[in-house]
Amino acid sequence: MNFPRGTASTSLNLNAISVTQKFNIRITRVEALGIPINLVPSSCVTSTPVTAVLSGKLGGFYDPYTLNGTYTIPKFKDCGPNTALLNLAIPGAGNTLKATFRLQPAW
């Protein structure tokens, strides 16, 4: 799966950060039984954007910080004849996302 760029909004206070990220998931390749034939066209994408809410605590200015959250994968569209099969197998709630960041000094 490919996670193209999306939009984000951020809330920040002295101790915590919260980020709401919206993005679409694109399926770029599906193979069956190890046969190297792609079963989906390049247009296979979530029917609506995914919304992931990530949160975490801030440490020192240059310390790494980790954001954790969950998101729901919506149904897919434009996946050719395998759209219905993919929508039985992939969409659903409770998916987790973890991102670790570190500020780098410019000098």
PDB file of N, CA and C in Angstrom:
ATOM      1  N   MET A   1       0.835  -1.169   0.000  1.00  0.00           N
ATOM      2  CA  MET A   1       0.000   0.000   0.000  1.00  0.00           C
ATOM      3  C   MET A   1       0.880   1.232   0.000  1.00  0.00           C
ATOM      4  N   ASN A   2       0.351   2.274  -0.541  1.00  0.00           N
ATOM      5  CA  ASN A   2       1.058   3.531  -0.657  1.00  0.00           C
ATOM      6  C   ASN A   2       0.244   4.585   0.084  1.00  0.00           C
ATOM      7  N   PHE A   3       0.882   5.406   0.921  1.00  0.00           N
ATOM      8  CA  PHE A   3       0.207   6.437   1.691  1.00  0.00           C
ATOM      9  C   PHE A   3       0.594   7.794   1.121  1.00  0.00           C
ATOM     10  N   PRO A   4      -0.154   8.315   0.139  1.00  0.00           N
ATOM     11  CA  PRO A   4       0.186   9.608  -0.439  1.00  0.00           C
ATOM     12  C   PRO A   4       0.057  10.737   0.571  1.00  0.00           C
ATOM     13  N   ARG A   5       0.685  11.855   0.271  1.00  0.00           N
ATOM     14  CA  ARG A   5       0.597  13.020   1.151  1.00  0.00           C
ATOM     15  C   ARG A   5      -0.835  13.455   1.335  1.00  0.00           C
ATOM     16  N   GLY A   6      -1.128  13.938   2.531  1.00  0.00           N
ATOM     17  CA  GLY A   6      -2.462  14.422   2.845  1.00  0.00           C
ATOM     18  C   GLY A   6      -2.373  15.744   3.574  1.00  0.00           C
ATOM     19  N   THR A   7      -3.399  16.066   4.324  1.00  0.00           N
ATOM     20  CA  THR A   7      -3.410  17.312   5.082  1.00  0.00           C
ATOM     21  C   THR A   7      -3.327  16.989   6.566  1.00  0.00           C
ATOM     22  N   ALA A   8      -2.817  17.940   7.354  1.00  0.00           N
ATOM     23  CA  ALA A   8      -2.689  17.719   8.788  1.00  0.00           C
ATOM     24  C   ALA A   8      -3.037  18.987   9.541  1.00  0.00           C
ATOM     25  N   SER A   9      -3.601  18.812  10.735  1.00  0.00           N
ATOM     26  CA  SER A   9      -3.788  19.920  11.661  1.00  0.00           C
ATOM     27  C   SER A   9      -3.150  19.502  12.974  1.00  0.00           C
ATOM     28  N   THR A  10      -2.596  20.459  13.709  1.00  0.00           N
ATOM     29  CA  THR A  10      -1.826  20.146  14.899  1.00  0.00           C
ATOM     30  C   THR A  10      -2.274  20.982  16.077  1.00  0.00           C
ATOM     31  N   SER A  11      -2.297  20.369  17.261  1.00  0.00           N
ATOM     32  CA  SER A  11      -2.544  21.059  18.520  1.00  0.00           C
ATOM     33  C   SER A  11      -1.326  20.809  19.401  1.00  0.00           C
ATOM     34  N   LEU A  12      -0.764  21.869  19.977  1.00  0.00           N
ATOM     35  CA  LEU A  12       0.467  21.751  20.742  1.00  0.00           C
ATOM     36  C   LEU A  12       0.346  22.547  22.029  1.00  0.00           C
ATOM     37  N   ASN A  13       0.718  21.923  23.155  1.00  0.00           N
ATOM     38  CA  ASN A  13       0.840  22.668  24.400  1.00  0.00           C
ATOM     39  C   ASN A  13       2.199  22.333  25.006  1.00  0.00           C
ATOM     40  N   LEU A  14       2.469  22.747  26.230  1.00  0.00           N
ATOM     41  CA  LEU A  14       3.803  22.558  26.806  1.00  0.00           C
ATOM     42  C   LEU A  14       4.184  21.094  27.004  1.00  0.00           C
ATOM     43  N   ASN A  15       3.225  20.212  27.152  1.00  0.00           N
ATOM     44  CA  ASN A  15       3.543  18.818  27.455  1.00  0.00           C
ATOM     45  C   ASN A  15       3.130  17.817  26.386  1.00  0.00           C
ATOM     46  N   ALA A  16       2.242  18.184  25.504  1.00  0.00           N
ATOM     47  CA  ALA A  16       1.684  17.190  24.585  1.00  0.00           C
ATOM     48  C   ALA A  16       1.467  17.780  23.197  1.00  0.00           C
ATOM     49  N   ILE A  17       1.387  16.874  22.245  1.00  0.00           N
ATOM     50  CA  ILE A  17       1.090  17.240  20.863  1.00  0.00           C
ATOM     51  C   ILE A  17       0.017  16.299  20.347  1.00  0.00           C
ATOM     52  N   SER A  18      -0.892  16.835  19.545  1.00  0.00           N
ATOM     53  CA  SER A  18      -1.941  16.036  18.913  1.00  0.00           C
ATOM     54  C   SER A  18      -2.009  16.451  17.454  1.00  0.00           C
ATOM     55  N   VAL A  19      -2.017  15.478  16.565  1.00  0.00           N
ATOM     56  CA  VAL A  19      -2.049  15.736  15.127  1.00  0.00           C
ATOM     57  C   VAL A  19      -3.194  14.947  14.513  1.00  0.00           C
ATOM     58  N   THR A  20      -4.011  15.616  13.716  1.00  0.00           N
ATOM     59  CA  THR A  20      -5.042  14.932  12.938  1.00  0.00           C
ATOM     60  C   THR A  20      -4.581  14.943  11.491  1.00  0.00           C
ATOM     61  N   GLN A  21      -4.377  13.766  10.934  1.00  0.00           N
ATOM     62  CA  GLN A  21      -3.839  13.608   9.579  1.00  0.00           C
ATOM     63  C   GLN A  21      -4.905  12.965   8.696  1.00  0.00           C
ATOM     64  N   LYS A  22      -5.149  13.546   7.533  1.00  0.00           N
ATOM     65  CA  LYS A  22      -6.075  12.966   6.555  1.00  0.00           C
ATOM     66  C   LYS A  22      -5.278  12.569   5.323  1.00  0.00           C
ATOM     67  N   PHE A  23      -5.544  11.353   4.832  1.00  0.00           N
ATOM     68  CA  PHE A  23      -4.827  10.863   3.661  1.00  0.00           C
ATOM     69  C   PHE A  23      -5.635   9.746   3.005  1.00  0.00           C
ATOM     70  N   ASN A  24      -5.318   9.439   1.771  1.00  0.00           N
ATOM     71  CA  ASN A  24      -5.905   8.299   1.072  1.00  0.00           C
ATOM     72  C   ASN A  24      -4.875   7.184   1.022  1.00  0.00           C
ATOM     73  N   ILE A  25      -5.350   5.965   1.009  1.00  0.00           N
ATOM     74  CA  ILE A  25      -4.483   4.800   0.837  1.00  0.00           C
ATOM     75  C   ILE A  25      -4.678   4.294  -0.582  1.00  0.00           C
ATOM     76  N   ARG A  26      -3.578   4.124  -1.282  1.00  0.00           N
ATOM     77  CA  ARG A  26      -3.618   3.603  -2.649  1.00  0.00           C
ATOM     78  C   ARG A  26      -2.988   2.210  -2.656  1.00  0.00           C
ATOM     79  N   ILE A  27      -3.690   1.251  -3.218  1.00  0.00           N
ATOM     80  CA  ILE A  27      -3.129  -0.092  -3.390  1.00  0.00           C
ATOM     81  C   ILE A  27      -2.460  -0.114  -4.761  1.00  0.00           C
ATOM     82  N   THR A  28      -1.166  -0.368  -4.760  1.00  0.00           N
ATOM     83  CA  THR A  28      -0.418  -0.314  -6.014  1.00  0.00           C
ATOM     84  C   THR A  28      -0.198  -1.685  -6.652  1.00  0.00           C
ATOM     85  N   ARG A  29      -0.288  -2.747  -5.834  1.00  0.00           N
ATOM     86  CA  ARG A  29      -0.055  -4.070  -6.394  1.00  0.00           C
ATOM     87  C   ARG A  29      -0.721  -5.138  -5.534  1.00  0.00           C
ATOM     88  N   VAL A  30      -1.379  -6.085  -6.188  1.00  0.00           N
ATOM     89  CA  VAL A  30      -1.944  -7.266  -5.533  1.00  0.00           C
ATOM     90  C   VAL A  30      -1.607  -8.463  -6.404  1.00  0.00           C
ATOM     91  N   GLU A  31      -1.007  -9.475  -5.796  1.00  0.00           N
ATOM     92  CA  GLU A  31      -0.705 -10.719  -6.501  1.00  0.00           C
ATOM     93  C   GLU A  31      -1.409 -11.862  -5.773  1.00  0.00           C
ATOM     94  N   ALA A  32      -1.730 -12.903  -6.495  1.00  0.00           N
ATOM     95  CA  ALA A  32      -2.378 -14.070  -5.887  1.00  0.00           C
ATOM     96  C   ALA A  32      -1.555 -15.317  -6.173  1.00  0.00           C
ATOM     97  N   LEU A  33      -1.438 -16.154  -5.160  1.00  0.00           N
ATOM     98  CA  LEU A  33      -0.762 -17.449  -5.282  1.00  0.00           C
ATOM     99  C   LEU A  33       0.670 -17.332  -5.788  1.00  0.00           C
ATOM    100  N   GLY A  34       1.318 -16.198  -5.524  1.00  0.00           N
ATOM    101  CA  GLY A  34       2.707 -16.001  -5.922  1.00  0.00           C
ATOM    102  C   GLY A  34       2.918 -15.763  -7.403  1.00  0.00           C
ATOM    103  N   ILE A  35       1.821 -15.604  -8.155  1.00  0.00           N
ATOM    104  CA  ILE A  35       1.942 -15.338  -9.594  1.00  0.00           C
ATOM    105  C   ILE A  35       2.188 -13.836  -9.775  1.00  0.00           C
ATOM    106  N   PRO A  36       3.288 -13.442 -10.412  1.00  0.00           N
ATOM    107  CA  PRO A  36       3.652 -12.028 -10.511  1.00  0.00           C
ATOM    108  C   PRO A  36       2.827 -11.233 -11.530  1.00  0.00           C
ATOM    109  N   ILE A  37       1.516 -11.255 -11.357  1.00  0.00           N
ATOM    110  CA  ILE A  37       0.614 -10.469 -12.204  1.00  0.00           C
ATOM    111  C   ILE A  37      -0.157  -9.535 -11.283  1.00  0.00           C
ATOM    112  N   ASN A  38      -0.087  -8.231 -11.552  1.00  0.00           N
ATOM    113  CA  ASN A  38      -0.786  -7.256 -10.735  1.00  0.00           C
ATOM    114  C   ASN A  38      -2.285  -7.338 -11.024  1.00  0.00           C
ATOM    115  N   LEU A  39      -3.081  -7.514  -9.974  1.00  0.00           N
ATOM    116  CA  LEU A  39      -4.524  -7.703 -10.119  1.00  0.00           C
ATOM    117  C   LEU A  39      -5.332  -6.428  -9.900  1.00  0.00           C
ATOM    118  N   VAL A  40      -4.676  -5.287  -9.720  1.00  0.00           N
ATOM    119  CA  VAL A  40      -5.392  -4.023  -9.537  1.00  0.00           C
ATOM    120  C   VAL A  40      -4.800  -2.940 -10.436  1.00  0.00           C
ATOM    121  N   PRO A  41      -5.649  -2.030 -10.923  1.00  0.00           N
ATOM    122  CA  PRO A  41      -5.131  -0.901 -11.692  1.00  0.00           C
ATOM    123  C   PRO A  41      -4.545   0.163 -10.757  1.00  0.00           C
ATOM    124  N   SER A  42      -3.820   1.102 -11.310  1.00  0.00           N
ATOM    125  CA  SER A  42      -3.188   2.157 -10.510  1.00  0.00           C
ATOM    126  C   SER A  42      -4.201   3.117  -9.884  1.00  0.00           C
ATOM    127  N   SER A  43      -5.467   3.012 -10.257  1.00  0.00           N
ATOM    128  CA  SER A  43      -6.514   3.898  -9.725  1.00  0.00           C
ATOM    129  C   SER A  43      -7.122   3.397  -8.414  1.00  0.00           C
ATOM    130  N   CYS A  44      -6.672   2.271  -7.875  1.00  0.00           N
ATOM    131  CA  CYS A  44      -7.256   1.655  -6.677  1.00  0.00           C
ATOM    132  C   CYS A  44      -6.908   2.471  -5.437  1.00  0.00           C
ATOM    133  N   VAL A  45      -7.934   3.103  -4.838  1.00  0.00           N
ATOM    134  CA  VAL A  45      -7.721   4.034  -3.729  1.00  0.00           C
ATOM    135  C   VAL A  45      -8.913   3.979  -2.773  1.00  0.00           C
ATOM    136  N   THR A  46      -8.717   4.440  -1.533  1.00  0.00           N
ATOM    137  CA  THR A  46      -9.833   4.496  -0.596  1.00  0.00           C
ATOM    138  C   THR A  46     -10.910   5.435  -1.126  1.00  0.00           C
ATOM    139  N   SER A  47     -12.162   5.077  -0.875  1.00  0.00           N
ATOM    140  CA  SER A  47     -13.284   5.854  -1.397  1.00  0.00           C
ATOM    141  C   SER A  47     -13.438   7.194  -0.688  1.00  0.00           C
ATOM    142  N   THR A  48     -12.968   7.284   0.548  1.00  0.00           N
ATOM    143  CA  THR A  48     -12.939   8.539   1.302  1.00  0.00           C
ATOM    144  C   THR A  48     -11.583   8.601   2.005  1.00  0.00           C
ATOM    145  N   PRO A  49     -11.136   9.796   2.371  1.00  0.00           N
ATOM    146  CA  PRO A  49      -9.848   9.881   3.069  1.00  0.00           C
ATOM    147  C   PRO A  49      -9.888   9.210   4.441  1.00  0.00           C
ATOM    148  N   VAL A  50      -8.760   8.660   4.838  1.00  0.00           N
ATOM    149  CA  VAL A  50      -8.557   8.115   6.171  1.00  0.00           C
ATOM    150  C   VAL A  50      -8.289   9.300   7.100  1.00  0.00           C
ATOM    151  N   THR A  51      -8.806   9.260   8.319  1.00  0.00           N
ATOM    152  CA  THR A  51      -8.491  10.267   9.328  1.00  0.00           C
ATOM    153  C   THR A  51      -7.804   9.566  10.486  1.00  0.00           C
ATOM    154  N   ALA A  52      -6.545   9.924  10.732  1.00  0.00           N
ATOM    155  CA  ALA A  52      -5.784   9.357  11.849  1.00  0.00           C
ATOM    156  C   ALA A  52      -5.502  10.464  12.850  1.00  0.00           C
ATOM    157  N   VAL A  53      -5.818  10.207  14.113  1.00  0.00           N
ATOM    158  CA  VAL A  53      -5.527  11.152  15.180  1.00  0.00           C
ATOM    159  C   VAL A  53      -4.370  10.582  15.988  1.00  0.00           C
ATOM    160  N   LEU A  54      -3.244  11.294  15.984  1.00  0.00           N
ATOM    161  CA  LEU A  54      -2.041  10.854  16.678  1.00  0.00           C
ATOM    162  C   LEU A  54      -1.758  11.784  17.846  1.00  0.00           C
ATOM    163  N   SER A  55      -1.280  11.235  18.944  1.00  0.00           N
ATOM    164  CA  SER A  55      -0.947  12.080  20.085  1.00  0.00           C
ATOM    165  C   SER A  55       0.273  11.519  20.798  1.00  0.00           C
ATOM    166  N   GLY A  56       0.928  12.392  21.559  1.00  0.00           N
ATOM    167  CA  GLY A  56       2.102  11.982  22.314  1.00  0.00           C
ATOM    168  C   GLY A  56       2.558  13.096  23.233  1.00  0.00           C
ATOM    169  N   LYS A  57       3.561  12.786  24.018  1.00  0.00           N
ATOM    170  CA  LYS A  57       4.123  13.750  24.967  1.00  0.00           C
ATOM    171  C   LYS A  57       5.409  14.327  24.396  1.00  0.00           C
ATOM    172  N   LEU A  58       5.649  15.587  24.709  1.00  0.00           N
ATOM    173  CA  LEU A  58       6.878  16.247  24.286  1.00  0.00           C
ATOM    174  C   LEU A  58       7.941  16.104  25.359  1.00  0.00           C
ATOM    175  N   GLY A  59       9.185  15.962  24.937  1.00  0.00           N
ATOM    176  CA  GLY A  59      10.302  15.904  25.873  1.00  0.00           C
ATOM    177  C   GLY A  59      11.159  17.145  25.679  1.00  0.00           C
ATOM    178  N   GLY A  60      12.470  16.945  25.707  1.00  0.00           N
ATOM    179  CA  GLY A  60      13.389  18.046  25.441  1.00  0.00           C
ATOM    180  C   GLY A  60      13.292  18.485  23.995  1.00  0.00           C
ATOM    181  N   PHE A  61      13.785  19.680  23.709  1.00  0.00           N
ATOM    182  CA  PHE A  61      13.610  20.262  22.379  1.00  0.00           C
ATOM    183  C   PHE A  61      14.151  19.372  21.266  1.00  0.00           C
ATOM    184  N   TYR A  62      15.322  18.761  21.459  1.00  0.00           N
ATOM    185  CA  TYR A  62      15.906  17.914  20.421  1.00  0.00           C
ATOM    186  C   TYR A  62      15.739  16.423  20.704  1.00  0.00           C
ATOM    187  N   ASP A  63      14.986  16.075  21.754  1.00  0.00           N
ATOM    188  CA  ASP A  63      14.705  14.668  22.035  1.00  0.00           C
ATOM    189  C   ASP A  63      13.697  14.133  21.020  1.00  0.00           C
ATOM    190  N   PRO A  64      13.806  12.853  20.668  1.00  0.00           N
ATOM    191  CA  PRO A  64      12.776  12.289  19.781  1.00  0.00           C
ATOM    192  C   PRO A  64      11.442  12.201  20.518  1.00  0.00           C
ATOM    193  N   TYR A  65      10.375  12.329  19.778  1.00  0.00           N
ATOM    194  CA  TYR A  65       9.056  12.135  20.365  1.00  0.00           C
ATOM    195  C   TYR A  65       8.255  11.226  19.445  1.00  0.00           C
ATOM    196  N   THR A  66       7.383  10.434  20.067  1.00  0.00           N
ATOM    197  CA  THR A  66       6.612   9.437  19.335  1.00  0.00           C
ATOM    198  C   THR A  66       5.133   9.759  19.451  1.00  0.00           C
ATOM    199  N   LEU A  67       4.458   9.704  18.320  1.00  0.00           N
ATOM    200  CA  LEU A  67       3.012   9.892  18.275  1.00  0.00           C
ATOM    201  C   LEU A  67       2.367   8.548  17.957  1.00  0.00           C
ATOM    202  N   ASN A  68       1.292   8.235  18.660  1.00  0.00           N
ATOM    203  CA  ASN A  68       0.552   6.988  18.452  1.00  0.00           C
ATOM    204  C   ASN A  68      -0.908   7.305  18.189  1.00  0.00           C
ATOM    205  N   GLY A  69      -1.551   6.468  17.416  1.00  0.00           N
ATOM    206  CA  GLY A  69      -2.975   6.654  17.170  1.00  0.00           C
ATOM    207  C   GLY A  69      -3.583   5.465  16.466  1.00  0.00           C
ATOM    208  N   THR A  70      -4.871   5.567  16.226  1.00  0.00           N
ATOM    209  CA  THR A  70      -5.601   4.531  15.503  1.00  0.00           C
ATOM    210  C   THR A  70      -6.383   5.168  14.365  1.00  0.00           C
ATOM    211  N   TYR A  71      -6.768   4.350  13.411  1.00  0.00           N
ATOM    212  CA  TYR A  71      -7.558   4.840  12.286  1.00  0.00           C
ATOM    213  C   TYR A  71      -8.379   3.702  11.690  1.00  0.00           C
ATOM    214  N   THR A  72      -9.387   4.075  10.935  1.00  0.00           N
ATOM    215  CA  THR A  72     -10.246   3.129  10.235  1.00  0.00           C
ATOM    216  C   THR A  72      -9.964   3.209   8.743  1.00  0.00           C
ATOM    217  N   ILE A  73      -9.772   2.068   8.120  1.00  0.00           N
ATOM    218  CA  ILE A  73      -9.594   2.031   6.665  1.00  0.00           C
ATOM    219  C   ILE A  73     -10.977   1.936   6.033  1.00  0.00           C
ATOM    220  N   PRO A  74     -11.344   2.930   5.180  1.00  0.00           N
ATOM    221  CA  PRO A  74     -12.647   2.852   4.512  1.00  0.00           C
ATOM    222  C   PRO A  74     -12.601   1.873   3.339  1.00  0.00           C
ATOM    223  N   LYS A  75     -13.726   1.711   2.692  1.00  0.00           N
ATOM    224  CA  LYS A  75     -13.785   0.852   1.503  1.00  0.00           C
ATOM    225  C   LYS A  75     -12.945   1.455   0.381  1.00  0.00           C
ATOM    226  N   PHE A  76     -12.585   0.602  -0.575  1.00  0.00           N
ATOM    227  CA  PHE A  76     -11.802   1.020  -1.730  1.00  0.00           C
ATOM    228  C   PHE A  76     -12.694   1.182  -2.944  1.00  0.00           C
ATOM    229  N   LYS A  77     -12.214   1.966  -3.913  1.00  0.00           N
ATOM    230  CA  LYS A  77     -12.938   2.164  -5.171  1.00  0.00           C
ATOM    231  C   LYS A  77     -11.949   2.093  -6.326  1.00  0.00           C
ATOM    232  N   ASP A  78     -12.475   1.897  -7.496  1.00  0.00           N
ATOM    233  CA  ASP A  78     -11.695   1.906  -8.739  1.00  0.00           C
ATOM    234  C   ASP A  78     -10.574   0.866  -8.755  1.00  0.00           C
ATOM    235  N   CYS A  79     -10.851  -0.316  -8.196  1.00  0.00           N
ATOM    236  CA  CYS A  79      -9.856  -1.384  -8.140  1.00  0.00           C
ATOM    237  C   CYS A  79     -10.131  -2.480  -9.167  1.00  0.00           C
ATOM    238  N   GLY A  80     -10.955  -2.174 -10.155  1.00  0.00           N
ATOM    239  CA  GLY A  80     -11.262  -3.152 -11.187  1.00  0.00           C
ATOM    240  C   GLY A  80     -12.174  -4.250 -10.664  1.00  0.00           C
ATOM    241  N   PRO A  81     -12.116  -5.428 -11.285  1.00  0.00           N
ATOM    242  CA  PRO A  81     -13.022  -6.506 -10.901  1.00  0.00           C
ATOM    243  C   PRO A  81     -12.773  -7.048  -9.492  1.00  0.00           C
ATOM    244  N   ASN A  82     -11.657  -6.682  -8.868  1.00  0.00           N
ATOM    245  CA  ASN A  82     -11.354  -7.179  -7.526  1.00  0.00           C
ATOM    246  C   ASN A  82     -11.754  -6.212  -6.417  1.00  0.00           C
ATOM    247  N   THR A  83     -12.480  -5.147  -6.741  1.00  0.00           N
ATOM    248  CA  THR A  83     -12.884  -4.163  -5.734  1.00  0.00           C
ATOM    249  C   THR A  83     -13.674  -4.809  -4.611  1.00  0.00           C
ATOM    250  N   ALA A  84     -14.669  -5.613  -4.935  1.00  0.00           N
ATOM    251  CA  ALA A  84     -15.509  -6.236  -3.902  1.00  0.00           C
ATOM    252  C   ALA A  84     -14.688  -7.161  -3.006  1.00  0.00           C
ATOM    253  N   LEU A  85     -13.781  -7.925  -3.577  1.00  0.00           N
ATOM    254  CA  LEU A  85     -12.945  -8.840  -2.802  1.00  0.00           C
ATOM    255  C   LEU A  85     -12.027  -8.062  -1.852  1.00  0.00           C
ATOM    256  N   LEU A  86     -11.423  -6.992  -2.344  1.00  0.00           N
ATOM    257  CA  LEU A  86     -10.561  -6.162  -1.484  1.00  0.00           C
ATOM    258  C   LEU A  86     -11.365  -5.534  -0.352  1.00  0.00           C
ATOM    259  N   ASN A  87     -12.605  -5.121  -0.645  1.00  0.00           N
ATOM    260  CA  ASN A  87     -13.445  -4.506   0.380  1.00  0.00           C
ATOM    261  C   ASN A  87     -13.920  -5.506   1.435  1.00  0.00           C
ATOM    262  N   LEU A  88     -13.874  -6.784   1.144  1.00  0.00           N
ATOM    263  CA  LEU A  88     -14.163  -7.810   2.151  1.00  0.00           C
ATOM    264  C   LEU A  88     -12.945  -8.059   3.042  1.00  0.00           C
ATOM    265  N   ALA A  89     -11.744  -7.868   2.493  1.00  0.00           N
ATOM    266  CA  ALA A  89     -10.519  -8.251   3.193  1.00  0.00           C
ATOM    267  C   ALA A  89      -9.825  -7.125   3.960  1.00  0.00           C
ATOM    268  N   ILE A  90      -9.890  -5.885   3.481  1.00  0.00           N
ATOM    269  CA  ILE A  90      -9.017  -4.846   4.036  1.00  0.00           C
ATOM    270  C   ILE A  90      -9.704  -3.833   4.949  1.00  0.00           C
ATOM    271  N   PRO A  91     -10.808  -3.197   4.568  1.00  0.00           N
ATOM    272  CA  PRO A  91     -11.373  -2.120   5.396  1.00  0.00           C
ATOM    273  C   PRO A  91     -11.715  -2.567   6.816  1.00  0.00           C
ATOM    274  N   GLY A  92     -11.634  -1.596   7.738  1.00  0.00           N
ATOM    275  CA  GLY A  92     -12.010  -1.881   9.114  1.00  0.00           C
ATOM    276  C   GLY A  92     -11.344  -0.935  10.096  1.00  0.00           C
ATOM    277  N   ALA A  93     -11.780  -1.006  11.339  1.00  0.00           N
ATOM    278  CA  ALA A  93     -11.301  -0.128  12.408  1.00  0.00           C
ATOM    279  C   ALA A  93     -10.156  -0.784  13.174  1.00  0.00           C
ATOM    280  N   GLY A  94      -9.554  -0.003  14.066  1.00  0.00           N
ATOM    281  CA  GLY A  94      -8.551  -0.524  14.978  1.00  0.00           C
ATOM    282  C   GLY A  94      -7.147  -0.640  14.419  1.00  0.00           C
ATOM    283  N   ASN A  95      -6.869  -0.009  13.292  1.00  0.00           N
ATOM    284  CA  ASN A  95      -5.521  -0.017  12.738  1.00  0.00           C
ATOM    285  C   ASN A  95      -4.670   0.968  13.531  1.00  0.00           C
ATOM    286  N   THR A  96      -3.426   0.612  13.788  1.00  0.00           N
ATOM    287  CA  THR A  96      -2.567   1.478  14.604  1.00  0.00           C
ATOM    288  C   THR A  96      -1.492   2.133  13.741  1.00  0.00           C
ATOM    289  N   LEU A  97      -1.082   3.304  14.206  1.00  0.00           N
ATOM    290  CA  LEU A  97      -0.062   4.072  13.512  1.00  0.00           C
ATOM    291  C   LEU A  97       0.881   4.644  14.553  1.00  0.00           C
ATOM    292  N   LYS A  98       2.175   4.530  14.324  1.00  0.00           N
ATOM    293  CA  LYS A  98       3.186   5.051  15.236  1.00  0.00           C
ATOM    294  C   LYS A  98       4.214   5.803  14.403  1.00  0.00           C
ATOM    295  N   ALA A  99       4.501   7.038  14.800  1.00  0.00           N
ATOM    296  CA  ALA A  99       5.469   7.865  14.084  1.00  0.00           C
ATOM    297  C   ALA A  99       6.419   8.487  15.095  1.00  0.00           C
ATOM    298  N   THR A 100       7.727   8.399  14.832  1.00  0.00           N
ATOM    299  CA  THR A 100       8.729   8.995  15.706  1.00  0.00           C
ATOM    300  C   THR A 100       9.426  10.119  14.961  1.00  0.00           C
ATOM    301  N   PHE A 101       9.561  11.266  15.648  1.00  0.00           N
ATOM    302  CA  PHE A 101      10.153  12.454  15.045  1.00  0.00           C
ATOM    303  C   PHE A 101      11.289  12.966  15.915  1.00  0.00           C
ATOM    304  N   ARG A 102      12.213  13.666  15.283  1.00  0.00           N
ATOM    305  CA  ARG A 102      13.291  14.334  16.002  1.00  0.00           C
ATOM    306  C   ARG A 102      13.607  15.625  15.255  1.00  0.00           C
ATOM    307  N   LEU A 103      13.658  16.713  15.989  1.00  0.00           N
ATOM    308  CA  LEU A 103      14.029  17.992  15.392  1.00  0.00           C
ATOM    309  C   LEU A 103      15.534  17.995  15.136  1.00  0.00           C
ATOM    310  N   GLN A 104      15.915  18.484  13.976  1.00  0.00           N
ATOM    311  CA  GLN A 104      17.322  18.568  13.631  1.00  0.00           C
ATOM    312  C   GLN A 104      17.741  20.036  13.603  1.00  0.00           C
ATOM    313  N   PRO A 105      18.821  20.397  14.280  1.00  0.00           N
ATOM    314  CA  PRO A 105      19.274  21.779  14.190  1.00  0.00           C
ATOM    315  C   PRO A 105      19.694  22.107  12.772  1.00  0.00           C
ATOM    316  N   ALA A 106      19.498  23.359  12.385  1.00  0.00           N
ATOM    317  CA  ALA A 106      19.793  23.782  11.013  1.00  0.00           C
ATOM    318  C   ALA A 106      21.297  23.989  10.773  1.00  0.00           C
ATOM    319  N   TRP A 107      22.096  24.068  11.835  1.00  0.00           N
ATOM    320  CA  TRP A 107      23.524  24.337  11.630  1.00  0.00           C
ATOM    321  C   TRP A 107      24.330  23.092  11.482  1.00  0.00           C
TER     322      TRP A 107
END
